[in-house]
């Protein structure tokens, strides 16, 4: 249904065909030339391999960072007028 060739996928992603062929073979997907068609399952297998090889787990892809630290750029002092004495 949504099969594309290696050449079309490389063009879409913006990398050379030779590099994509190398990555496909490293992921365990048999791709011999630029005209080899890839299924949706093979593309997902490649995506999973690339995520693992770049140190990003598949489960962590959508999570937010646990802690965010904000730092002030400058420190200022607020001045308040002297308080008037209170009467009883």
PDB file of N, CA and C in Angstrom:
ATOM      1  N   UNK A   1       0.829  -1.194   0.000  1.00  0.00           N
ATOM      2  CA  UNK A   1       0.000   0.000   0.000  1.00  0.00           C
ATOM      3  C   UNK A   1       0.869   1.252   0.000  1.00  0.00           C
ATOM      4  N   UNK A   2       1.715   1.408   1.013  1.00  0.00           N
ATOM      5  CA  UNK A   2       2.544   2.610   1.079  1.00  0.00           C
ATOM      6  C   UNK A   2       4.014   2.236   0.905  1.00  0.00           C
ATOM      7  N   UNK A   3       4.288   1.436  -0.113  1.00  0.00           N
ATOM      8  CA  UNK A   3       5.662   1.047  -0.388  1.00  0.00           C
ATOM      9  C   UNK A   3       6.359   2.143  -1.182  1.00  0.00           C
ATOM     10  N   UNK A   4       7.609   2.393  -0.830  1.00  0.00           N
ATOM     11  CA  UNK A   4       8.420   3.380  -1.538  1.00  0.00           C
ATOM     12  C   UNK A   4       9.765   2.741  -1.856  1.00  0.00           C
ATOM     13  N   UNK A   5      10.443   3.294  -2.822  1.00  0.00           N
ATOM     14  CA  UNK A   5      11.779   2.792  -3.140  1.00  0.00           C
ATOM     15  C   UNK A   5      12.799   3.444  -2.212  1.00  0.00           C
ATOM     16  N   UNK A   6      13.967   2.848  -2.167  1.00  0.00           N
ATOM     17  CA  UNK A   6      15.051   3.394  -1.352  1.00  0.00           C
ATOM     18  C   UNK A   6      15.402   4.789  -1.846  1.00  0.00           C
ATOM     19  N   UNK A   7      15.392   4.972  -3.150  1.00  0.00           N
ATOM     20  CA  UNK A   7      15.722   6.272  -3.740  1.00  0.00           C
ATOM     21  C   UNK A   7      14.715   7.339  -3.315  1.00  0.00           C
ATOM     22  N   UNK A   8      13.412   6.998  -3.319  1.00  0.00           N
ATOM     23  CA  UNK A   8      12.380   7.954  -2.909  1.00  0.00           C
ATOM     24  C   UNK A   8      12.515   8.296  -1.430  1.00  0.00           C
ATOM     25  N   UNK A   9      12.780   7.296  -0.597  1.00  0.00           N
ATOM     26  CA  UNK A   9      12.927   7.538   0.840  1.00  0.00           C
ATOM     27  C   UNK A   9      14.148   8.408   1.125  1.00  0.00           C
ATOM     28  N   UNK A  10      15.244   8.146   0.432  1.00  0.00           N
ATOM     29  CA  UNK A  10      16.451   8.956   0.620  1.00  0.00           C
ATOM     30  C   UNK A  10      16.191  10.401   0.218  1.00  0.00           C
ATOM     31  N   UNK A  11      15.437  10.588  -0.851  1.00  0.00           N
ATOM     32  CA  UNK A  11      15.102  11.940  -1.296  1.00  0.00           C
ATOM     33  C   UNK A  11      14.211  12.642  -0.278  1.00  0.00           C
ATOM     34  N   UNK A  12      13.251  11.921   0.272  1.00  0.00           N
ATOM     35  CA  UNK A  12      12.341  12.491   1.268  1.00  0.00           C
ATOM     36  C   UNK A  12      13.089  12.881   2.540  1.00  0.00           C
ATOM     37  N   UNK A  13      13.978  12.008   2.983  1.00  0.00           N
ATOM     38  CA  UNK A  13      14.724  12.244   4.222  1.00  0.00           C
ATOM     39  C   UNK A  13      15.845  13.255   4.010  1.00  0.00           C
ATOM     40  N   UNK A  14      16.382  13.300   2.798  1.00  0.00           N
ATOM     41  CA  UNK A  14      17.437  14.263   2.500  1.00  0.00           C
ATOM     42  C   UNK A  14      18.841  13.747   2.737  1.00  0.00           C
ATOM     43  N   UNK A  15      19.041  12.442   2.551  1.00  0.00           N
ATOM     44  CA  UNK A  15      20.375  11.863   2.697  1.00  0.00           C
ATOM     45  C   UNK A  15      20.735  11.133   1.405  1.00  0.00           C
ATOM     46  N   UNK A  16      22.026  10.878   1.174  1.00  0.00           N
ATOM     47  CA  UNK A  16      22.423  10.142  -0.029  1.00  0.00           C
ATOM     48  C   UNK A  16      21.905   8.701  -0.010  1.00  0.00           C
ATOM     49  N   UNK A  17      21.649   8.153  -1.181  1.00  0.00           N
ATOM     50  CA  UNK A  17      21.128   6.791  -1.305  1.00  0.00           C
ATOM     51  C   UNK A  17      22.106   5.783  -0.705  1.00  0.00           C
ATOM     52  N   UNK A  18      23.395   5.981  -0.918  1.00  0.00           N
ATOM     53  CA  UNK A  18      24.399   5.044  -0.405  1.00  0.00           C
ATOM     54  C   UNK A  18      24.361   4.975   1.119  1.00  0.00           C
ATOM     55  N   UNK A  19      24.186   6.116   1.754  1.00  0.00           N
ATOM     56  CA  UNK A  19      24.131   6.145   3.224  1.00  0.00           C
ATOM     57  C   UNK A  19      22.883   5.421   3.725  1.00  0.00           C
ATOM     58  N   UNK A  20      21.751   5.632   3.053  1.00  0.00           N
ATOM     59  CA  UNK A  20      20.517   4.953   3.450  1.00  0.00           C
ATOM     60  C   UNK A  20      20.650   3.447   3.252  1.00  0.00           C
ATOM     61  N   UNK A  21      21.274   3.015   2.162  1.00  0.00           N
ATOM     62  CA  UNK A  21      21.491   1.583   1.939  1.00  0.00           C
ATOM     63  C   UNK A  21      22.348   0.985   3.052  1.00  0.00           C
ATOM     64  N   UNK A  22      23.370   1.705   3.473  1.00  0.00           N
ATOM     65  CA  UNK A  22      24.225   1.239   4.567  1.00  0.00           C
ATOM     66  C   UNK A  22      23.426   1.113   5.861  1.00  0.00           C
ATOM     67  N   UNK A  23      22.612   2.116   6.165  1.00  0.00           N
ATOM     68  CA  UNK A  23      21.806   2.086   7.388  1.00  0.00           C
ATOM     69  C   UNK A  23      20.785   0.954   7.341  1.00  0.00           C
ATOM     70  N   UNK A  24      20.185   0.733   6.183  1.00  0.00           N
ATOM     71  CA  UNK A  24      19.222  -0.364   6.042  1.00  0.00           C
ATOM     72  C   UNK A  24      19.898  -1.707   6.294  1.00  0.00           C
ATOM     73  N   UNK A  25      21.074  -1.913   5.718  1.00  0.00           N
ATOM     74  CA  UNK A  25      21.791  -3.176   5.917  1.00  0.00           C
ATOM     75  C   UNK A  25      22.212  -3.353   7.365  1.00  0.00           C
ATOM     76  N   UNK A  26      22.615  -2.274   8.041  1.00  0.00           N
ATOM     77  CA  UNK A  26      22.975  -2.354   9.458  1.00  0.00           C
ATOM     78  C   UNK A  26      21.764  -2.700  10.314  1.00  0.00           C
ATOM     79  N   UNK A  27      20.582  -2.266   9.877  1.00  0.00           N
ATOM     80  CA  UNK A  27      19.352  -2.543  10.618  1.00  0.00           C
ATOM     81  C   UNK A  27      18.825  -3.948  10.345  1.00  0.00           C
ATOM     82  N   UNK A  28      19.477  -4.672   9.419  1.00  0.00           N
ATOM     83  CA  UNK A  28      19.054  -6.033   9.117  1.00  0.00           C
ATOM     84  C   UNK A  28      18.021  -6.112   8.013  1.00  0.00           C
ATOM     85  N   UNK A  29      17.874  -5.059   7.247  1.00  0.00           N
ATOM     86  CA  UNK A  29      16.912  -5.021   6.146  1.00  0.00           C
ATOM     87  C   UNK A  29      17.685  -5.220   4.850  1.00  0.00           C
ATOM     88  N   UNK A  30      17.249  -6.183   4.046  1.00  0.00           N
ATOM     89  CA  UNK A  30      17.933  -6.467   2.792  1.00  0.00           C
ATOM     90  C   UNK A  30      17.522  -5.452   1.740  1.00  0.00           C
ATOM     91  N   UNK A  31      18.462  -4.621   1.340  1.00  0.00           N
ATOM     92  CA  UNK A  31      18.237  -3.636   0.283  1.00  0.00           C
ATOM     93  C   UNK A  31      19.487  -3.623  -0.582  1.00  0.00           C
ATOM     94  N   UNK A  32      19.338  -4.069  -1.817  1.00  0.00           N
ATOM     95  CA  UNK A  32      20.512  -4.227  -2.677  1.00  0.00           C
ATOM     96  C   UNK A  32      20.817  -3.010  -3.525  1.00  0.00           C
ATOM     97  N   UNK A  33      19.784  -2.261  -3.915  1.00  0.00           N
ATOM     98  CA  UNK A  33      20.031  -1.093  -4.763  1.00  0.00           C
ATOM     99  C   UNK A  33      18.975  -0.027  -4.512  1.00  0.00           C
ATOM    100  N   UNK A  34      19.052   1.066  -5.252  1.00  0.00           N
ATOM    101  CA  UNK A  34      18.162   2.207  -5.036  1.00  0.00           C
ATOM    102  C   UNK A  34      16.727   1.927  -5.454  1.00  0.00           C
ATOM    103  N   UNK A  35      16.507   0.888  -6.256  1.00  0.00           N
ATOM    104  CA  UNK A  35      15.159   0.571  -6.731  1.00  0.00           C
ATOM    105  C   UNK A  35      14.443  -0.460  -5.863  1.00  0.00           C
ATOM    106  N   UNK A  36      15.071  -0.921  -4.797  1.00  0.00           N
ATOM    107  CA  UNK A  36      14.444  -1.862  -3.876  1.00  0.00           C
ATOM    108  C   UNK A  36      13.294  -1.170  -3.161  1.00  0.00           C
ATOM    109  N   UNK A  37      12.141  -1.839  -3.087  1.00  0.00           N
ATOM    110  CA  UNK A  37      10.985  -1.239  -2.415  1.00  0.00           C
ATOM    111  C   UNK A  37      11.008  -1.598  -0.937  1.00  0.00           C
ATOM    112  N   UNK A  38      10.549  -0.663  -0.127  1.00  0.00           N
ATOM    113  CA  UNK A  38      10.488  -0.844   1.324  1.00  0.00           C
ATOM    114  C   UNK A  38       9.041  -0.777   1.775  1.00  0.00           C
ATOM    115  N   UNK A  39       8.656  -1.682   2.667  1.00  0.00           N
ATOM    116  CA  UNK A  39       7.312  -1.662   3.229  1.00  0.00           C
ATOM    117  C   UNK A  39       7.280  -0.732   4.436  1.00  0.00           C
ATOM    118  N   UNK A  40       6.080  -0.481   4.922  1.00  0.00           N
ATOM    119  CA  UNK A  40       5.913   0.352   6.114  1.00  0.00           C
ATOM    120  C   UNK A  40       6.605  -0.300   7.311  1.00  0.00           C
ATOM    121  N   UNK A  41       6.509  -1.631   7.413  1.00  0.00           N
ATOM    122  CA  UNK A  41       7.140  -2.362   8.515  1.00  0.00           C
ATOM    123  C   UNK A  41       8.661  -2.213   8.474  1.00  0.00           C
ATOM    124  N   UNK A  42       9.247  -2.261   7.284  1.00  0.00           N
ATOM    125  CA  UNK A  42      10.696  -2.104   7.160  1.00  0.00           C
ATOM    126  C   UNK A  42      11.130  -0.685   7.520  1.00  0.00           C
ATOM    127  N   UNK A  43      10.317   0.294   7.165  1.00  0.00           N
ATOM    128  CA  UNK A  43      10.644   1.675   7.534  1.00  0.00           C
ATOM    129  C   UNK A  43      10.595   1.850   9.046  1.00  0.00           C
ATOM    130  N   UNK A  44       9.613   1.229   9.702  1.00  0.00           N
ATOM    131  CA  UNK A  44       9.531   1.302  11.162  1.00  0.00           C
ATOM    132  C   UNK A  44      10.706   0.582  11.814  1.00  0.00           C
ATOM    133  N   UNK A  45      11.129  -0.535  11.217  1.00  0.00           N
ATOM    134  CA  UNK A  45      12.289  -1.262  11.733  1.00  0.00           C
ATOM    135  C   UNK A  45      13.544  -0.399  11.628  1.00  0.00           C
ATOM    136  N   UNK A  46      13.698   0.309  10.523  1.00  0.00           N
ATOM    137  CA  UNK A  46      14.839   1.218  10.348  1.00  0.00           C
ATOM    138  C   UNK A  46      14.781   2.344  11.370  1.00  0.00           C
ATOM    139  N   UNK A  47      13.598   2.907  11.584  1.00  0.00           N
ATOM    140  CA  UNK A  47      13.444   3.987  12.555  1.00  0.00           C
ATOM    141  C   UNK A  47      13.826   3.518  13.955  1.00  0.00           C
ATOM    142  N   UNK A  48      13.375   2.340  14.344  1.00  0.00           N
ATOM    143  CA  UNK A  48      13.731   1.793  15.652  1.00  0.00           C
ATOM    144  C   UNK A  48      15.226   1.581  15.794  1.00  0.00           C
ATOM    145  N   UNK A  49      15.858   1.072  14.743  1.00  0.00           N
ATOM    146  CA  UNK A  49      17.313   0.869  14.762  1.00  0.00           C
ATOM    147  C   UNK A  49      18.045   2.195  14.922  1.00  0.00           C
ATOM    148  N   UNK A  50      17.627   3.210  14.154  1.00  0.00           N
ATOM    149  CA  UNK A  50      18.300   4.508  14.223  1.00  0.00           C
ATOM    150  C   UNK A  50      18.127   5.152  15.588  1.00  0.00           C
ATOM    151  N   UNK A  51      16.957   5.002  16.183  1.00  0.00           N
ATOM    152  CA  UNK A  51      16.742   5.557  17.529  1.00  0.00           C
ATOM    153  C   UNK A  51      17.646   4.879  18.546  1.00  0.00           C
ATOM    154  N   UNK A  52      17.750   3.561  18.463  1.00  0.00           N
ATOM    155  CA  UNK A  52      18.615   2.836  19.403  1.00  0.00           C
ATOM    156  C   UNK A  52      20.083   3.184  19.181  1.00  0.00           C
ATOM    157  N   UNK A  53      20.495   3.309  17.935  1.00  0.00           N
ATOM    158  CA  UNK A  53      21.907   3.569  17.660  1.00  0.00           C
ATOM    159  C   UNK A  53      22.321   4.986  18.037  1.00  0.00           C
ATOM    160  N   UNK A  54      21.373   5.884  18.098  1.00  0.00           N
ATOM    161  CA  UNK A  54      21.692   7.256  18.492  1.00  0.00           C
ATOM    162  C   UNK A  54      21.426   7.495  19.974  1.00  0.00           C
ATOM    163  N   UNK A  55      21.152   6.429  20.728  1.00  0.00           N
ATOM    164  CA  UNK A  55      21.029   6.535  22.168  1.00  0.00           C
ATOM    165  C   UNK A  55      19.681   6.989  22.668  1.00  0.00           C
ATOM    166  N   UNK A  56      18.658   6.940  21.846  1.00  0.00           N
ATOM    167  CA  UNK A  56      17.337   7.375  22.276  1.00  0.00           C
ATOM    168  C   UNK A  56      16.415   6.163  22.252  1.00  0.00           C
ATOM    169  N   UNK A  57      15.913   5.783  23.414  1.00  0.00           N
ATOM    170  CA  UNK A  57      15.030   4.633  23.489  1.00  0.00           C
ATOM    171  C   UNK A  57      13.676   4.965  22.874  1.00  0.00           C
ATOM    172  N   UNK A  58      13.010   3.943  22.351  1.00  0.00           N
ATOM    173  CA  UNK A  58      11.718   4.172  21.712  1.00  0.00           C
ATOM    174  C   UNK A  58      10.675   4.669  22.713  1.00  0.00           C
ATOM    175  N   UNK A  59      10.749   4.198  23.956  1.00  0.00           N
ATOM    176  CA  UNK A  59       9.774   4.617  24.956  1.00  0.00           C
ATOM    177  C   UNK A  59       9.991   6.058  25.404  1.00  0.00           C
ATOM    178  N   UNK A  60      11.209   6.560  25.294  1.00  0.00           N
ATOM    179  CA  UNK A  60      11.518   7.907  25.754  1.00  0.00           C
ATOM    180  C   UNK A  60      11.256   8.978  24.710  1.00  0.00           C
ATOM    181  N   UNK A  61      10.807   8.604  23.535  1.00  0.00           N
ATOM    182  CA  UNK A  61      10.707   9.572  22.440  1.00  0.00           C
ATOM    183  C   UNK A  61       9.681  10.665  22.705  1.00  0.00           C
ATOM    184  N   UNK A  62       8.640  10.411  23.501  1.00  0.00           N
ATOM    185  CA  UNK A  62       7.623  11.426  23.701  1.00  0.00           C
ATOM    186  C   UNK A  62       7.568  12.007  25.097  1.00  0.00           C
ATOM    187  N   UNK A  63       8.514  11.667  25.947  1.00  0.00           N
ATOM    188  CA  UNK A  63       8.462  12.151  27.321  1.00  0.00           C
ATOM    189  C   UNK A  63       9.131  13.508  27.446  1.00  0.00           C
ATOM    190  N   UNK A  64       8.745  14.217  28.500  1.00  0.00           N
ATOM    191  CA  UNK A  64       9.327  15.527  28.763  1.00  0.00           C
ATOM    192  C   UNK A  64      10.439  15.375  29.796  1.00  0.00           C
ATOM    193  N   UNK A  65      11.345  16.324  29.875  1.00  0.00           N
ATOM    194  CA  UNK A  65      12.412  16.230  30.872  1.00  0.00           C
ATOM    195  C   UNK A  65      11.845  16.301  32.282  1.00  0.00           C
ATOM    196  N   UNK A  66      12.519  15.644  33.225  1.00  0.00           N
ATOM    197  CA  UNK A  66      12.025  15.571  34.585  1.00  0.00           C
ATOM    198  C   UNK A  66      12.162  16.858  35.370  1.00  0.00           C
ATOM    199  N   UNK A  67      13.210  17.618  35.153  1.00  0.00           N
ATOM    200  CA  UNK A  67      13.442  18.817  35.941  1.00  0.00           C
ATOM    201  C   UNK A  67      13.966  19.924  35.042  1.00  0.00           C
ATOM    202  N   UNK A  68      13.437  21.106  35.247  1.00  0.00           N
ATOM    203  CA  UNK A  68      13.878  22.273  34.497  1.00  0.00           C
ATOM    204  C   UNK A  68      14.374  23.300  35.499  1.00  0.00           C
ATOM    205  N   UNK A  69      15.573  23.821  35.298  1.00  0.00           N
ATOM    206  CA  UNK A  69      16.148  24.816  36.190  1.00  0.00           C
ATOM    207  C   UNK A  69      16.182  26.154  35.480  1.00  0.00           C
ATOM    208  N   UNK A  70      15.620  27.168  36.121  1.00  0.00           N
ATOM    209  CA  UNK A  70      15.619  28.513  35.568  1.00  0.00           C
ATOM    210  C   UNK A  70      16.574  29.373  36.378  1.00  0.00           C
ATOM    211  N   UNK A  71      17.320  30.221  35.709  1.00  0.00           N
ATOM    212  CA  UNK A  71      18.250  31.117  36.392  1.00  0.00           C
ATOM    213  C   UNK A  71      17.922  32.546  36.005  1.00  0.00           C
ATOM    214  N   UNK A  72      18.009  33.433  36.983  1.00  0.00           N
ATOM    215  CA  UNK A  72      17.744  34.848  36.724  1.00  0.00           C
ATOM    216  C   UNK A  72      18.920  35.483  36.011  1.00  0.00           C
ATOM    217  N   UNK A  73      18.616  36.424  35.138  1.00  0.00           N
ATOM    218  CA  UNK A  73      19.681  37.131  34.436  1.00  0.00           C
ATOM    219  C   UNK A  73      20.248  38.254  35.290  1.00  0.00           C
ATOM    220  N   UNK A  74      19.411  38.893  36.110  1.00  0.00           N
ATOM    221  CA  UNK A  74      19.901  39.982  36.948  1.00  0.00           C
ATOM    222  C   UNK A  74      19.169  39.959  38.285  1.00  0.00           C
ATOM    223  N   UNK A  75      19.782  40.596  39.257  1.00  0.00           N
ATOM    224  CA  UNK A  75      19.196  40.697  40.586  1.00  0.00           C
ATOM    225  C   UNK A  75      18.944  42.171  40.850  1.00  0.00           C
ATOM    226  N   UNK A  76      17.739  42.492  41.308  1.00  0.00           N
ATOM    227  CA  UNK A  76      17.429  43.889  41.617  1.00  0.00           C
ATOM    228  C   UNK A  76      16.870  43.972  43.030  1.00  0.00           C
ATOM    229  N   UNK A  77      16.866  45.180  43.572  1.00  0.00           N
ATOM    230  CA  UNK A  77      16.395  45.399  44.934  1.00  0.00           C
ATOM    231  C   UNK A  77      15.204  46.339  44.884  1.00  0.00           C
ATOM    232  N   UNK A  78      14.142  45.951  45.573  1.00  0.00           N
ATOM    233  CA  UNK A  78      12.953  46.794  45.634  1.00  0.00           C
ATOM    234  C   UNK A  78      13.050  47.703  46.845  1.00  0.00           C
ATOM    235  N   UNK A  79      12.696  48.963  46.669  1.00  0.00           N
ATOM    236  CA  UNK A  79      12.719  49.924  47.779  1.00  0.00           C
ATOM    237  C   UNK A  79      11.282  50.244  48.173  1.00  0.00           C
ATOM    238  N   UNK A  80      11.048  50.209  49.475  1.00  0.00           N
ATOM    239  CA  UNK A  80       9.725  50.525  49.984  1.00  0.00           C
ATOM    240  C   UNK A  80       9.827  51.788  50.836  1.00  0.00           C
ATOM    241  N   UNK A  81       8.782  52.611  50.803  1.00  0.00           N
ATOM    242  CA  UNK A  81       8.817  53.805  51.656  1.00  0.00           C
ATOM    243  C   UNK A  81       8.778  53.395  53.133  1.00  0.00           C
ATOM    244  N   UNK A  82       9.352  54.238  53.983  1.00  0.00           N
ATOM    245  CA  UNK A  82       9.369  53.952  55.417  1.00  0.00           C
ATOM    246  C   UNK A  82       7.939  53.927  55.930  1.00  0.00           C
ATOM    247  N   UNK A  83       7.657  52.966  56.759  1.00  0.00           N
ATOM    248  CA  UNK A  83       6.301  52.819  57.284  1.00  0.00           C
ATOM    249  C   UNK A  83       6.029  53.892  58.338  1.00  0.00           C
ATOM    250  N   UNK A  84       4.836  54.465  58.307  1.00  0.00           N
ATOM    251  CA  UNK A  84       4.445  55.471  59.301  1.00  0.00           C
ATOM    252  C   UNK A  84       4.156  54.763  60.619  1.00  0.00           C
ATOM    253  N   UNK A  85       4.464  55.411  61.757  1.00  0.00           N
ATOM    254  CA  UNK A  85       4.193  54.775  63.051  1.00  0.00           C
ATOM    255  C   UNK A  85       2.684  54.588  63.241  1.00  0.00           C
ATOM    256  N   UNK A  86       2.335  53.479  63.808  1.00  0.00           N
ATOM    257  CA  UNK A  86       0.924  53.167  64.024  1.00  0.00           C
ATOM    258  C   UNK A  86       0.478  53.688  65.383  1.00  0.00           C
ATOM    259  N   UNK A  87      -0.714  54.176  65.417  1.00  0.00           N
ATOM    260  CA  UNK A  87      -1.253  54.650  66.696  1.00  0.00           C
ATOM    261  C   UNK A  87      -2.192  53.623  67.290  1.00  0.00           C
ATOM    262  N   UNK A  88      -2.191  53.545  68.626  1.00  0.00           N
ATOM    263  CA  UNK A  88      -3.057  52.585  69.308  1.00  0.00           C
ATOM    264  C   UNK A  88      -4.388  53.120  69.493  1.00  0.00           C
TER     265      UNK A  88
END
